[in-house]
C-alpha atoms as a PDB file:
ATOM      1  CA  ILE A   1     -11.451   8.518  29.874  1.00  0.00           C
ATOM      2  CA  LYS A   2      -7.913   9.323  28.514  1.00  0.00           C
ATOM      3  CA  SER A   3      -6.664   7.635  25.429  1.00  0.00           C
ATOM      4  CA  GLU A   4      -2.920   6.838  25.275  1.00  0.00           C
ATOM      5  CA  SER A   5      -2.961   6.534  21.427  1.00  0.00           C
ATOM      6  CA  GLU A   6      -0.230   7.156  18.547  1.00  0.00           C
ATOM      7  CA  LEU A   7       0.452   6.878  14.967  1.00  0.00           C
ATOM      8  CA  THR A   8       3.013   5.389  13.151  1.00  0.00           C
ATOM      9  CA  VAL A   9       4.497   5.239   9.863  1.00  0.00           C
ATOM     10  CA  ASP A  10       7.479   4.174   7.678  1.00  0.00           C
ATOM     11  CA  ALA A  11       7.995   6.982   5.458  1.00  0.00           C
ATOM     12  CA  SER A  12      10.299   7.745   2.692  1.00  0.00           C
ATOM     13  CA  ILE A  13      12.717  10.477   2.026  1.00  0.00           C
ATOM     14  CA  THR A  14      10.302  12.315  -0.086  1.00  0.00           C
ATOM     15  CA  ALA A  15       7.173  11.689   2.406  1.00  0.00           C
ATOM     16  CA  LYS A  16       9.101  12.518   5.578  1.00  0.00           C
ATOM     17  CA  PRO A  17       8.539  16.528   5.049  1.00  0.00           C
ATOM     18  CA  PHE A  18       4.658  15.677   4.466  1.00  0.00           C
ATOM     19  CA  PHE A  19       4.368  13.956   7.808  1.00  0.00           C
ATOM     20  CA  GLU A  20       6.547  16.486   9.675  1.00  0.00           C
ATOM     21  CA  ARG A  21       4.183  19.163   8.513  1.00  0.00           C
ATOM     22  CA  TYR A  22       1.295  16.998  10.340  1.00  0.00           C
ATOM     23  CA  GLY A  23       3.218  16.974  13.202  1.00  0.00           C
ATOM     24  CA  PHE A  24       5.133  13.443  13.289  1.00  0.00           C
ATOM     25  CA  GLN A  25       8.176  13.069  15.002  1.00  0.00           C
ATOM     26  CA  THR A  26      11.005  10.767  13.623  1.00  0.00           C
ATOM     27  CA  VAL A  27      12.013   7.908  15.838  1.00  0.00           C
ATOM     28  CA  LYS A  28      14.838   6.684  13.963  1.00  0.00           C
ATOM     29  CA  GLN A  29      16.129   6.016  10.334  1.00  0.00           C
ATOM     30  CA  GLN A  30      16.272   2.952   8.766  1.00  0.00           C
ATOM     31  CA  LEU A  31      17.978   1.291   6.026  1.00  0.00           C
ATOM     32  CA  VAL A  32      15.221  -1.377   4.030  1.00  0.00           C
ATOM     33  CA  GLU A  33      15.810  -3.814   1.327  1.00  0.00           C
ATOM     34  CA  CYS A  34      12.891  -4.004  -1.593  1.00  0.00           C
ATOM     35  CA  ARG A  35      13.610  -6.372  -4.515  1.00  0.00           C
ATOM     36  CA  GLY A  36      17.286  -6.032  -4.269  1.00  0.00           C
ATOM     37  CA  ALA A  37      17.239  -2.357  -4.117  1.00  0.00           C
ATOM     38  CA  TRP A  38      18.466  -0.618  -1.108  1.00  0.00           C
ATOM     39  CA  PHE A  39      16.679   2.226   0.557  1.00  0.00           C
ATOM     40  CA  THR A  40      16.512   4.982   3.345  1.00  0.00           C
ATOM     41  CA  ASN A  41      13.319   5.614   5.264  1.00  0.00           C
ATOM     42  CA  PHE A  42      12.310   6.914   8.738  1.00  0.00           C
ATOM     43  CA  SER A  43      10.335   5.372  11.300  1.00  0.00           C
ATOM     44  CA  MET A  44       7.805   8.080  12.656  1.00  0.00           C
ATOM     45  CA  ARG A  45       5.257   8.670  15.256  1.00  0.00           C
ATOM     46  CA  TYR A  46       2.654  11.079  15.764  1.00  0.00           C
ATOM     47  CA  LYS A  47       1.107  11.481  19.670  1.00  0.00           C
ATOM     48  CA  PRO A  48      -2.225  13.618  19.457  1.00  0.00           C
ATOM     49  CA  GLN A  49      -2.137  16.265  22.110  1.00  0.00           C
ATOM     50  CA  HIS A  50      -5.145  15.922  24.210  1.00  0.00           C
END
């Protein structure tokens, strides 16, 4: 049985190095609004190697 699973996360600039350390790859950079302030974050993906 083969599982095609992946994990995704929207990581802040501060959290990005943490996720990279554990094998996540950046899919795209995003600009998001929260309570009237704009922030850059990163859509990231991890695909386990089986």
